[in-house]
Amino acid sequence: MHKSPSKSLKVGAVAFAVLWTLWMLSWSGSLDRINVVMLSLCGAAVGYAWYFAMRRPLRRKGLSPREEDSAT
């Protein structure tokens, strides 16, 4: 089964965000509601930033399709 590079990158970004959030929760030692909410929002932002940070080098290497190619 062949996955598209874009799909793999999105799955990787979600996995990175989840692992980062879990690491930060374990590191902080506090499971207060506000702490969980804040770190979850930060984890989503980190995953989003990681996706865009990894997309550029993969496009330069030709491993990820360009925007105009993926629209069709």
C-alpha atoms as a PDB file:
ATOM      1  CA  MET A   1       0.000   0.000   0.000  1.00  0.00           C
ATOM      2  CA  HIS A   2       1.489   3.318  -1.111  1.00  0.00           C
ATOM      3  CA  LYS A   3       0.957   6.436   0.971  1.00  0.00           C
ATOM      4  CA  SER A   4       1.356   9.885  -0.491  1.00  0.00           C
ATOM      5  CA  PRO A   5       4.252  11.935   0.923  1.00  0.00           C
ATOM      6  CA  SER A   6       1.788  14.614   2.012  1.00  0.00           C
ATOM      7  CA  LYS A   7      -0.251  12.093   4.014  1.00  0.00           C
ATOM      8  CA  SER A   8       2.883  10.695   5.666  1.00  0.00           C
ATOM      9  CA  LEU A   9       4.042  14.183   6.581  1.00  0.00           C
ATOM     10  CA  LYS A  10       0.666  15.023   8.146  1.00  0.00           C
ATOM     11  CA  VAL A  11       0.651  11.793  10.156  1.00  0.00           C
ATOM     12  CA  GLY A  12       4.206  12.515  11.275  1.00  0.00           C
ATOM     13  CA  ALA A  13       3.238  16.024  12.375  1.00  0.00           C
ATOM     14  CA  VAL A  14       0.307  14.697  14.410  1.00  0.00           C
ATOM     15  CA  ALA A  15       2.513  12.041  16.011  1.00  0.00           C
ATOM     16  CA  PHE A  16       5.141  14.673  16.811  1.00  0.00           C
ATOM     17  CA  ALA A  17       2.516  16.961  18.373  1.00  0.00           C
ATOM     18  CA  VAL A  18       1.075  14.155  20.510  1.00  0.00           C
ATOM     19  CA  LEU A  19       4.493  12.972  21.686  1.00  0.00           C
ATOM     20  CA  TRP A  20       5.626  16.532  22.416  1.00  0.00           C
ATOM     21  CA  THR A  21       2.456  17.210  24.422  1.00  0.00           C
ATOM     22  CA  LEU A  22       2.810  13.994  26.415  1.00  0.00           C
ATOM     23  CA  TRP A  23       6.472  14.742  27.108  1.00  0.00           C
ATOM     24  CA  MET A  24       5.659  18.258  28.301  1.00  0.00           C
ATOM     25  CA  LEU A  25       2.850  16.957  30.521  1.00  0.00           C
ATOM     26  CA  SER A  26       5.140  14.388  32.115  1.00  0.00           C
ATOM     27  CA  TRP A  27       7.921  16.943  32.488  1.00  0.00           C
ATOM     28  CA  SER A  28       5.680  19.542  34.156  1.00  0.00           C
ATOM     29  CA  GLY A  29       4.380  17.011  36.664  1.00  0.00           C
ATOM     30  CA  SER A  30       1.023  18.763  36.965  1.00  0.00           C
ATOM     31  CA  LEU A  31      -2.191  17.442  35.476  1.00  0.00           C
ATOM     32  CA  ASP A  32      -4.320  20.471  36.323  1.00  0.00           C
ATOM     33  CA  ARG A  33      -7.021  21.147  33.770  1.00  0.00           C
ATOM     34  CA  ILE A  34      -5.539  24.491  32.677  1.00  0.00           C
ATOM     35  CA  ASN A  35      -2.076  22.952  32.305  1.00  0.00           C
ATOM     36  CA  VAL A  36      -3.441  20.163  30.090  1.00  0.00           C
ATOM     37  CA  VAL A  37      -5.392  22.645  27.950  1.00  0.00           C
ATOM     38  CA  MET A  38      -2.444  25.028  27.570  1.00  0.00           C
ATOM     39  CA  LEU A  39       0.025  22.275  26.703  1.00  0.00           C
ATOM     40  CA  SER A  40      -2.448  20.714  24.262  1.00  0.00           C
ATOM     41  CA  LEU A  41      -2.831  24.044  22.456  1.00  0.00           C
ATOM     42  CA  CYS A  42       0.940  24.490  22.424  1.00  0.00           C
ATOM     43  CA  GLY A  43       1.328  20.918  21.154  1.00  0.00           C
ATOM     44  CA  ALA A  44      -1.041  21.647  18.282  1.00  0.00           C
ATOM     45  CA  ALA A  45       0.971  24.758  17.412  1.00  0.00           C
ATOM     46  CA  VAL A  46       4.237  22.803  17.589  1.00  0.00           C
ATOM     47  CA  GLY A  47       2.829  20.085  15.310  1.00  0.00           C
ATOM     48  CA  TYR A  48       1.607  22.702  12.833  1.00  0.00           C
ATOM     49  CA  ALA A  49       4.988  24.445  12.845  1.00  0.00           C
ATOM     50  CA  TRP A  50       6.811  21.114  12.450  1.00  0.00           C
ATOM     51  CA  TYR A  51       4.658  20.253   9.426  1.00  0.00           C
ATOM     52  CA  PHE A  52       5.559  23.499   7.668  1.00  0.00           C
ATOM     53  CA  ALA A  53       9.200  23.282   8.717  1.00  0.00           C
ATOM     54  CA  MET A  54       9.530  19.771   7.245  1.00  0.00           C
ATOM     55  CA  ARG A  55       7.488  20.469   4.127  1.00  0.00           C
ATOM     56  CA  ARG A  56      10.014  22.928   2.676  1.00  0.00           C
ATOM     57  CA  PRO A  57      13.105  20.640   2.747  1.00  0.00           C
ATOM     58  CA  LEU A  58      11.070  17.701   1.450  1.00  0.00           C
ATOM     59  CA  ARG A  59       9.868  19.788  -1.495  1.00  0.00           C
ATOM     60  CA  ARG A  60      13.410  20.862  -2.277  1.00  0.00           C
ATOM     61  CA  LYS A  61      14.473  17.209  -2.386  1.00  0.00           C
ATOM     62  CA  GLY A  62      11.474  16.361  -4.566  1.00  0.00           C
ATOM     63  CA  LEU A  63       9.896  14.047  -1.995  1.00  0.00           C
ATOM     64  CA  SER A  64       6.723  16.079  -1.536  1.00  0.00           C
ATOM     65  CA  PRO A  65       4.432  17.422  -4.273  1.00  0.00           C
ATOM     66  CA  ARG A  66       4.125  21.144  -4.909  1.00  0.00           C
ATOM     67  CA  GLU A  67       0.877  22.971  -4.022  1.00  0.00           C
ATOM     68  CA  GLU A  68      -0.229  23.318  -7.629  1.00  0.00           C
ATOM     69  CA  ASP A  69       0.431  19.589  -8.240  1.00  0.00           C
ATOM     70  CA  SER A  70      -1.563  18.428  -5.233  1.00  0.00           C
ATOM     71  CA  ALA A  71      -4.618  20.533  -6.173  1.00  0.00           C
ATOM     72  CA  THR A  72      -5.454  18.249  -9.118  1.00  0.00           C
END
